[in-house]
Amino acid sequence: MASSKTGKRSPAPADPRPEIREENGRHLLVGGRCGHCGLASAYAPPICPCGQVGGVEPCTFGPSGTVFSSTVLEIPVPGRTPPVCLAYVDLDEGPRILAHVELDSGPPPEPGAKVSLNVKNDLGDLVVSIGSTPVLDNHGAHND
């Protein structure tokens, strides 16, 4: 809870970052898709930008995506040790998200590289790993 200037305690703001759920060993982003226009979103807003109230249905996206763009931050950012790699990722059949990239001392991913959703880091940021996640059926078996 945060304090206001009047001394009253106000609730802490909600974390705006997307939610990740694990299903059958895969990490999926919990978002929404408009039933009217089909727009995918990293969250389920009450009104779609196309103007449809209540038309956004909750759904999940991932676990794989394609890098749209990436960069490496070499400057210190509080709570993070440089270098830090960030990428815009187009989730398969889903929205574009901003995520931290696990580099494992390799080069940053190029546009078009496949990545897969991972768990959030200790700071709550979305994390992706280079390479795609195998497609599993409903019983956890590979569906190659």
N, C-alpha and C. Protein backbone atom coordinates (compact mmCIF):
# COMPACT_ATOMS: atom_id res chain seq x y z
N MET A 1 0.83 -1.17 0.00
CA MET A 1 0.00 0.00 0.00
C MET A 1 0.88 1.24 0.00
N ALA A 2 0.51 2.21 -0.78
CA ALA A 2 1.24 3.45 -0.88
C ALA A 2 0.55 4.52 -0.04
N SER A 3 1.30 5.54 0.38
CA SER A 3 0.73 6.64 1.16
C SER A 3 0.46 7.81 0.24
N SER A 4 -0.64 8.50 0.47
CA SER A 4 -0.94 9.70 -0.30
C SER A 4 -0.51 10.92 0.51
N LYS A 5 -0.65 12.12 -0.06
CA LYS A 5 -0.27 13.35 0.63
C LYS A 5 -1.16 13.61 1.83
N THR A 6 -2.35 13.04 1.85
CA THR A 6 -3.27 13.25 2.97
C THR A 6 -2.98 12.30 4.12
N GLY A 7 -2.03 11.40 3.95
CA GLY A 7 -1.69 10.45 4.99
C GLY A 7 -2.49 9.17 4.92
N LYS A 8 -3.50 9.14 4.05
CA LYS A 8 -4.30 7.92 3.89
C LYS A 8 -3.53 6.93 3.03
N ARG A 9 -3.74 5.66 3.30
CA ARG A 9 -3.08 4.61 2.53
C ARG A 9 -3.94 4.29 1.31
N SER A 10 -3.30 4.27 0.16
CA SER A 10 -4.00 3.90 -1.07
C SER A 10 -3.44 2.57 -1.57
N PRO A 11 -4.26 1.80 -2.27
CA PRO A 11 -3.76 0.51 -2.75
C PRO A 11 -2.63 0.69 -3.76
N ALA A 12 -1.70 -0.26 -3.74
CA ALA A 12 -0.60 -0.24 -4.72
C ALA A 12 -1.19 -0.50 -6.10
N PRO A 13 -0.66 0.15 -7.12
CA PRO A 13 -1.19 -0.08 -8.47
C PRO A 13 -0.95 -1.53 -8.91
N ALA A 14 -1.83 -2.02 -9.75
CA ALA A 14 -1.69 -3.38 -10.28
C ALA A 14 -0.49 -3.44 -11.22
N ASP A 15 0.16 -4.58 -11.26
CA ASP A 15 1.29 -4.78 -12.17
C ASP A 15 0.76 -4.84 -13.60
N PRO A 16 1.18 -3.92 -14.48
CA PRO A 16 0.64 -3.89 -15.85
C PRO A 16 1.23 -4.94 -16.79
N ARG A 17 2.25 -5.66 -16.33
CA ARG A 17 2.90 -6.63 -17.21
C ARG A 17 2.01 -7.86 -17.41
N PRO A 18 2.07 -8.45 -18.61
CA PRO A 18 1.23 -9.62 -18.89
C PRO A 18 1.51 -10.78 -17.95
N GLU A 19 0.49 -11.63 -17.81
CA GLU A 19 0.57 -12.82 -16.97
C GLU A 19 1.05 -14.00 -17.80
N ILE A 20 1.87 -14.86 -17.19
CA ILE A 20 2.33 -16.10 -17.83
C ILE A 20 1.75 -17.27 -17.04
N ARG A 21 1.26 -18.26 -17.77
CA ARG A 21 0.71 -19.47 -17.16
C ARG A 21 1.46 -20.68 -17.73
N GLU A 22 1.69 -21.68 -16.88
CA GLU A 22 2.34 -22.90 -17.35
C GLU A 22 1.28 -23.98 -17.55
N GLU A 23 1.26 -24.58 -18.75
CA GLU A 23 0.34 -25.66 -19.08
C GLU A 23 1.12 -26.75 -19.80
N ASN A 24 1.08 -27.96 -19.29
CA ASN A 24 1.77 -29.10 -19.92
C ASN A 24 3.24 -28.80 -20.19
N GLY A 25 3.90 -28.11 -19.27
CA GLY A 25 5.32 -27.82 -19.42
C GLY A 25 5.63 -26.68 -20.38
N ARG A 26 4.60 -25.99 -20.88
CA ARG A 26 4.80 -24.86 -21.79
C ARG A 26 4.37 -23.58 -21.09
N HIS A 27 5.04 -22.48 -21.37
CA HIS A 27 4.68 -21.19 -20.80
C HIS A 27 3.84 -20.44 -21.83
N LEU A 28 2.67 -19.97 -21.40
CA LEU A 28 1.74 -19.28 -22.28
C LEU A 28 1.40 -17.92 -21.70
N LEU A 29 1.23 -16.93 -22.57
CA LEU A 29 0.83 -15.59 -22.15
C LEU A 29 -0.69 -15.55 -22.07
N VAL A 30 -1.22 -15.05 -20.97
CA VAL A 30 -2.67 -14.92 -20.79
C VAL A 30 -3.06 -13.55 -21.32
N GLY A 31 -3.87 -13.53 -22.36
CA GLY A 31 -4.28 -12.28 -22.98
C GLY A 31 -5.73 -12.34 -23.41
N GLY A 32 -6.04 -11.64 -24.50
CA GLY A 32 -7.40 -11.62 -25.01
C GLY A 32 -7.42 -11.43 -26.51
N ARG A 33 -8.56 -11.81 -27.11
CA ARG A 33 -8.76 -11.63 -28.55
C ARG A 33 -10.19 -11.12 -28.75
N CYS A 34 -10.33 -10.09 -29.56
CA CYS A 34 -11.64 -9.52 -29.85
C CYS A 34 -12.42 -10.48 -30.74
N GLY A 35 -13.63 -10.83 -30.33
CA GLY A 35 -14.47 -11.71 -31.13
C GLY A 35 -15.03 -11.02 -32.36
N HIS A 36 -14.97 -9.69 -32.41
CA HIS A 36 -15.49 -8.95 -33.56
C HIS A 36 -14.44 -8.74 -34.64
N CYS A 37 -13.26 -8.19 -34.25
CA CYS A 37 -12.24 -7.86 -35.26
C CYS A 37 -11.05 -8.81 -35.24
N GLY A 38 -10.91 -9.64 -34.18
CA GLY A 38 -9.82 -10.61 -34.10
C GLY A 38 -8.53 -10.06 -33.53
N LEU A 39 -8.50 -8.80 -33.09
CA LEU A 39 -7.28 -8.21 -32.54
C LEU A 39 -6.81 -8.97 -31.31
N ALA A 40 -5.54 -9.38 -31.30
CA ALA A 40 -4.94 -10.06 -30.15
C ALA A 40 -4.29 -9.02 -29.25
N SER A 41 -4.43 -9.22 -27.93
CA SER A 41 -3.88 -8.29 -26.96
C SER A 41 -3.17 -9.06 -25.85
N ALA A 42 -2.14 -8.45 -25.27
CA ALA A 42 -1.38 -9.07 -24.19
C ALA A 42 -2.15 -9.03 -22.87
N TYR A 43 -3.34 -8.50 -22.87
CA TYR A 43 -4.24 -8.50 -21.72
C TYR A 43 -5.66 -8.50 -22.29
N ALA A 44 -6.67 -8.65 -21.46
CA ALA A 44 -8.05 -8.67 -21.93
C ALA A 44 -8.75 -7.36 -21.53
N PRO A 45 -8.68 -6.34 -22.39
CA PRO A 45 -9.30 -5.06 -22.06
C PRO A 45 -10.83 -5.16 -22.11
N PRO A 46 -11.55 -4.31 -21.36
CA PRO A 46 -13.01 -4.37 -21.40
C PRO A 46 -13.59 -3.90 -22.73
N ILE A 47 -12.83 -3.05 -23.44
CA ILE A 47 -13.28 -2.54 -24.74
C ILE A 47 -12.14 -2.70 -25.73
N CYS A 48 -12.43 -3.29 -26.88
CA CYS A 48 -11.43 -3.43 -27.94
C CYS A 48 -11.22 -2.06 -28.60
N PRO A 49 -10.03 -1.78 -29.13
CA PRO A 49 -9.83 -0.53 -29.86
C PRO A 49 -10.79 -0.36 -31.03
N CYS A 50 -11.38 -1.47 -31.53
CA CYS A 50 -12.35 -1.35 -32.63
C CYS A 50 -13.70 -0.85 -32.13
N GLY A 51 -13.85 -0.71 -30.79
CA GLY A 51 -15.07 -0.14 -30.22
C GLY A 51 -16.06 -1.15 -29.67
N GLN A 52 -15.76 -2.42 -29.73
CA GLN A 52 -16.68 -3.44 -29.24
C GLN A 52 -16.54 -3.61 -27.73
N VAL A 53 -17.58 -3.24 -27.00
CA VAL A 53 -17.59 -3.39 -25.55
C VAL A 53 -17.89 -4.85 -25.21
N GLY A 54 -17.06 -5.43 -24.34
CA GLY A 54 -17.29 -6.80 -23.90
C GLY A 54 -17.02 -7.86 -24.94
N GLY A 55 -16.45 -7.49 -26.07
CA GLY A 55 -16.19 -8.46 -27.13
C GLY A 55 -14.86 -9.16 -27.03
N VAL A 56 -14.04 -8.78 -26.03
CA VAL A 56 -12.71 -9.38 -25.90
C VAL A 56 -12.80 -10.61 -25.00
N GLU A 57 -12.43 -11.76 -25.56
CA GLU A 57 -12.48 -13.03 -24.83
C GLU A 57 -11.09 -13.39 -24.31
N PRO A 58 -10.97 -13.85 -23.06
CA PRO A 58 -9.67 -14.29 -22.55
C PRO A 58 -9.17 -15.49 -23.35
N CYS A 59 -7.87 -15.54 -23.60
CA CYS A 59 -7.25 -16.67 -24.28
C CYS A 59 -5.76 -16.67 -23.97
N THR A 60 -5.05 -17.70 -24.43
CA THR A 60 -3.61 -17.78 -24.21
C THR A 60 -2.89 -17.76 -25.54
N PHE A 61 -1.64 -17.28 -25.51
CA PHE A 61 -0.79 -17.20 -26.70
C PHE A 61 0.57 -17.81 -26.40
N GLY A 62 1.21 -18.31 -27.43
CA GLY A 62 2.54 -18.89 -27.28
C GLY A 62 2.48 -20.38 -27.43
N PRO A 63 3.49 -21.07 -27.06
CA PRO A 63 4.66 -20.65 -26.31
C PRO A 63 5.76 -20.05 -27.18
N SER A 64 5.59 -20.10 -28.52
CA SER A 64 6.67 -19.64 -29.40
C SER A 64 6.33 -18.31 -30.03
N GLY A 65 7.36 -17.65 -30.52
CA GLY A 65 7.19 -16.39 -31.21
C GLY A 65 8.38 -16.11 -32.09
N THR A 66 8.30 -14.98 -32.81
CA THR A 66 9.34 -14.57 -33.74
C THR A 66 9.83 -13.19 -33.35
N VAL A 67 11.15 -13.01 -33.29
CA VAL A 67 11.73 -11.72 -32.93
C VAL A 67 11.44 -10.71 -34.04
N PHE A 68 10.85 -9.58 -33.66
CA PHE A 68 10.62 -8.47 -34.59
C PHE A 68 11.85 -7.57 -34.59
N SER A 69 12.39 -7.31 -33.39
CA SER A 69 13.55 -6.44 -33.23
C SER A 69 14.16 -6.71 -31.87
N SER A 70 15.48 -6.50 -31.75
CA SER A 70 16.12 -6.68 -30.44
C SER A 70 17.23 -5.65 -30.27
N THR A 71 17.60 -5.43 -29.01
CA THR A 71 18.68 -4.51 -28.69
C THR A 71 19.36 -4.98 -27.41
N VAL A 72 20.58 -4.54 -27.22
CA VAL A 72 21.32 -4.85 -26.00
C VAL A 72 21.64 -3.54 -25.29
N LEU A 73 21.23 -3.46 -24.02
CA LEU A 73 21.54 -2.29 -23.19
C LEU A 73 22.85 -2.55 -22.47
N GLU A 74 23.82 -1.69 -22.70
CA GLU A 74 25.14 -1.83 -22.08
C GLU A 74 25.29 -0.93 -20.86
N ILE A 75 24.30 -0.07 -20.62
CA ILE A 75 24.37 0.84 -19.48
C ILE A 75 23.68 0.21 -18.27
N PRO A 76 24.10 0.55 -17.06
CA PRO A 76 23.46 -0.01 -15.88
C PRO A 76 22.03 0.51 -15.71
N VAL A 77 21.13 -0.38 -15.42
CA VAL A 77 19.74 -0.05 -15.10
C VAL A 77 19.49 -0.62 -13.71
N PRO A 78 18.88 0.15 -12.80
CA PRO A 78 18.68 -0.35 -11.44
C PRO A 78 18.08 -1.75 -11.40
N GLY A 79 18.72 -2.63 -10.64
CA GLY A 79 18.24 -3.99 -10.47
C GLY A 79 18.69 -4.96 -11.55
N ARG A 80 19.38 -4.47 -12.57
CA ARG A 80 19.79 -5.34 -13.67
C ARG A 80 21.27 -5.11 -13.98
N THR A 81 21.99 -6.19 -14.21
CA THR A 81 23.41 -6.12 -14.52
C THR A 81 23.60 -6.15 -16.03
N PRO A 82 24.27 -5.14 -16.61
CA PRO A 82 24.48 -5.15 -18.06
C PRO A 82 25.43 -6.26 -18.48
N PRO A 83 25.35 -6.70 -19.69
CA PRO A 83 24.40 -6.29 -20.72
C PRO A 83 23.04 -6.95 -20.52
N VAL A 84 21.99 -6.21 -20.91
CA VAL A 84 20.61 -6.70 -20.84
C VAL A 84 20.07 -6.70 -22.26
N CYS A 85 19.54 -7.82 -22.71
CA CYS A 85 18.98 -7.92 -24.06
C CYS A 85 17.46 -7.86 -23.97
N LEU A 86 16.87 -6.99 -24.79
CA LEU A 86 15.41 -6.86 -24.89
C LEU A 86 15.01 -7.14 -26.33
N ALA A 87 13.81 -7.69 -26.50
CA ALA A 87 13.32 -7.95 -27.86
C ALA A 87 11.82 -7.72 -27.91
N TYR A 88 11.37 -7.18 -29.05
CA TYR A 88 9.95 -7.21 -29.37
C TYR A 88 9.72 -8.54 -30.04
N VAL A 89 8.73 -9.29 -29.54
CA VAL A 89 8.45 -10.64 -30.03
C VAL A 89 7.00 -10.71 -30.48
N ASP A 90 6.79 -11.19 -31.71
CA ASP A 90 5.44 -11.46 -32.21
C ASP A 90 5.11 -12.90 -31.84
N LEU A 91 4.23 -13.07 -30.83
CA LEU A 91 3.85 -14.42 -30.43
C LEU A 91 3.05 -15.06 -31.56
N ASP A 92 3.23 -16.36 -31.77
CA ASP A 92 2.50 -17.06 -32.82
C ASP A 92 1.00 -16.86 -32.63
N GLU A 93 0.35 -16.30 -33.66
CA GLU A 93 -1.09 -16.02 -33.66
C GLU A 93 -1.51 -15.12 -32.50
N GLY A 94 -0.57 -14.29 -32.02
CA GLY A 94 -0.88 -13.45 -30.87
C GLY A 94 -0.30 -12.06 -30.99
N PRO A 95 -0.23 -11.35 -29.86
CA PRO A 95 0.24 -9.97 -29.86
C PRO A 95 1.76 -9.86 -29.88
N ARG A 96 2.22 -8.65 -30.08
CA ARG A 96 3.65 -8.33 -29.97
C ARG A 96 3.91 -7.92 -28.52
N ILE A 97 4.96 -8.48 -27.93
CA ILE A 97 5.30 -8.18 -26.54
C ILE A 97 6.76 -7.73 -26.45
N LEU A 98 7.10 -7.04 -25.37
CA LEU A 98 8.48 -6.70 -25.07
C LEU A 98 8.95 -7.67 -24.00
N ALA A 99 10.09 -8.33 -24.24
CA ALA A 99 10.58 -9.34 -23.30
C ALA A 99 12.09 -9.26 -23.16
N HIS A 100 12.58 -9.72 -22.02
CA HIS A 100 14.01 -9.89 -21.80
C HIS A 100 14.42 -11.19 -22.48
N VAL A 101 15.63 -11.23 -23.03
CA VAL A 101 16.12 -12.41 -23.74
C VAL A 101 17.25 -13.04 -22.94
N GLU A 102 17.15 -14.36 -22.71
CA GLU A 102 18.25 -15.10 -22.09
C GLU A 102 19.31 -15.31 -23.16
N LEU A 103 20.48 -14.69 -23.00
CA LEU A 103 21.52 -14.77 -24.02
C LEU A 103 22.50 -15.92 -23.81
N ASP A 104 22.76 -16.29 -22.57
CA ASP A 104 23.77 -17.33 -22.30
C ASP A 104 25.07 -17.02 -23.02
N SER A 105 25.52 -15.77 -22.94
CA SER A 105 26.76 -15.25 -23.53
C SER A 105 26.83 -15.36 -25.05
N GLY A 106 25.70 -15.56 -25.71
CA GLY A 106 25.67 -15.58 -27.17
C GLY A 106 25.26 -14.23 -27.72
N PRO A 107 25.17 -14.12 -29.04
CA PRO A 107 24.76 -12.85 -29.65
C PRO A 107 23.25 -12.64 -29.47
N PRO A 108 22.80 -11.39 -29.57
CA PRO A 108 21.36 -11.14 -29.48
C PRO A 108 20.65 -11.75 -30.68
N PRO A 109 19.37 -12.08 -30.54
CA PRO A 109 18.65 -12.69 -31.66
C PRO A 109 18.42 -11.68 -32.78
N GLU A 110 18.51 -12.16 -34.00
CA GLU A 110 18.24 -11.33 -35.18
C GLU A 110 16.74 -11.32 -35.45
N PRO A 111 16.23 -10.30 -36.15
CA PRO A 111 14.82 -10.34 -36.56
C PRO A 111 14.54 -11.62 -37.33
N GLY A 112 13.41 -12.25 -37.01
CA GLY A 112 13.04 -13.51 -37.64
C GLY A 112 13.42 -14.73 -36.84
N ALA A 113 14.27 -14.56 -35.81
CA ALA A 113 14.68 -15.70 -34.98
C ALA A 113 13.50 -16.20 -34.16
N LYS A 114 13.42 -17.52 -33.97
CA LYS A 114 12.38 -18.12 -33.15
C LYS A 114 12.80 -18.08 -31.68
N VAL A 115 11.86 -17.75 -30.81
CA VAL A 115 12.07 -17.74 -29.36
C VAL A 115 10.88 -18.40 -28.69
N SER A 116 11.05 -18.76 -27.42
CA SER A 116 9.94 -19.34 -26.67
C SER A 116 9.80 -18.65 -25.32
N LEU A 117 8.55 -18.53 -24.88
CA LEU A 117 8.28 -17.92 -23.58
C LEU A 117 8.89 -18.75 -22.47
N ASN A 118 9.36 -18.06 -21.46
CA ASN A 118 9.95 -18.71 -20.30
C ASN A 118 9.24 -18.13 -19.08
N VAL A 119 9.67 -18.50 -17.90
CA VAL A 119 9.09 -17.93 -16.68
C VAL A 119 9.52 -16.46 -16.57
N LYS A 120 8.84 -15.72 -15.70
CA LYS A 120 9.26 -14.34 -15.45
C LYS A 120 10.52 -14.35 -14.61
N ASN A 121 11.35 -13.29 -14.75
CA ASN A 121 12.55 -13.20 -13.92
C ASN A 121 12.18 -12.72 -12.52
N ASP A 122 13.18 -12.58 -11.65
CA ASP A 122 12.94 -12.19 -10.25
C ASP A 122 12.29 -10.81 -10.12
N LEU A 123 12.42 -9.97 -11.16
CA LEU A 123 11.82 -8.64 -11.13
C LEU A 123 10.43 -8.63 -11.75
N GLY A 124 9.95 -9.78 -12.22
CA GLY A 124 8.61 -9.87 -12.80
C GLY A 124 8.54 -9.59 -14.29
N ASP A 125 9.70 -9.47 -14.95
CA ASP A 125 9.72 -9.19 -16.39
C ASP A 125 9.52 -10.46 -17.19
N LEU A 126 8.84 -10.35 -18.34
CA LEU A 126 8.71 -11.48 -19.25
C LEU A 126 10.08 -11.85 -19.78
N VAL A 127 10.34 -13.15 -19.92
CA VAL A 127 11.62 -13.64 -20.42
C VAL A 127 11.36 -14.64 -21.54
N VAL A 128 12.16 -14.54 -22.62
CA VAL A 128 12.11 -15.52 -23.70
C VAL A 128 13.48 -16.16 -23.85
N SER A 129 13.48 -17.39 -24.35
CA SER A 129 14.72 -18.11 -24.64
C SER A 129 14.82 -18.28 -26.15
N ILE A 130 16.04 -18.24 -26.66
CA ILE A 130 16.25 -18.41 -28.10
C ILE A 130 15.98 -19.87 -28.45
N GLY A 131 15.22 -20.07 -29.52
CA GLY A 131 14.81 -21.41 -29.95
C GLY A 131 13.33 -21.59 -29.67
N SER A 132 12.70 -22.50 -30.39
CA SER A 132 11.26 -22.69 -30.21
C SER A 132 10.99 -23.87 -29.29
N THR A 133 9.80 -23.86 -28.72
CA THR A 133 9.35 -24.92 -27.83
C THR A 133 8.68 -26.00 -28.66
N PRO A 134 8.97 -27.28 -28.43
CA PRO A 134 8.28 -28.33 -29.17
C PRO A 134 6.78 -28.28 -28.90
N VAL A 135 5.99 -28.58 -29.93
CA VAL A 135 4.54 -28.60 -29.78
C VAL A 135 4.15 -29.90 -29.09
N LEU A 136 3.36 -29.78 -28.01
CA LEU A 136 2.92 -30.95 -27.26
C LEU A 136 1.43 -31.14 -27.44
N ASP A 137 0.97 -32.40 -27.42
CA ASP A 137 -0.46 -32.64 -27.45
C ASP A 137 -1.03 -32.47 -26.04
N ASN A 138 -2.32 -32.73 -25.85
CA ASN A 138 -2.97 -32.53 -24.55
C ASN A 138 -2.43 -33.44 -23.46
N HIS A 139 -1.67 -34.47 -23.82
CA HIS A 139 -1.12 -35.40 -22.84
C HIS A 139 0.36 -35.17 -22.59
N GLY A 140 0.94 -34.09 -23.14
CA GLY A 140 2.34 -33.77 -22.93
C GLY A 140 3.29 -34.49 -23.87
N ALA A 141 2.77 -35.17 -24.89
CA ALA A 141 3.63 -35.87 -25.85
C ALA A 141 3.98 -34.95 -27.00
N HIS A 142 5.18 -35.13 -27.58
CA HIS A 142 5.60 -34.31 -28.72
C HIS A 142 4.66 -34.55 -29.89
N ASN A 143 4.35 -33.49 -30.60
CA ASN A 143 3.45 -33.54 -31.75
C ASN A 143 4.21 -33.03 -32.97
N ASP A 144 5.29 -33.70 -33.36
CA ASP A 144 6.16 -33.21 -34.43
C ASP A 144 5.68 -33.54 -35.81
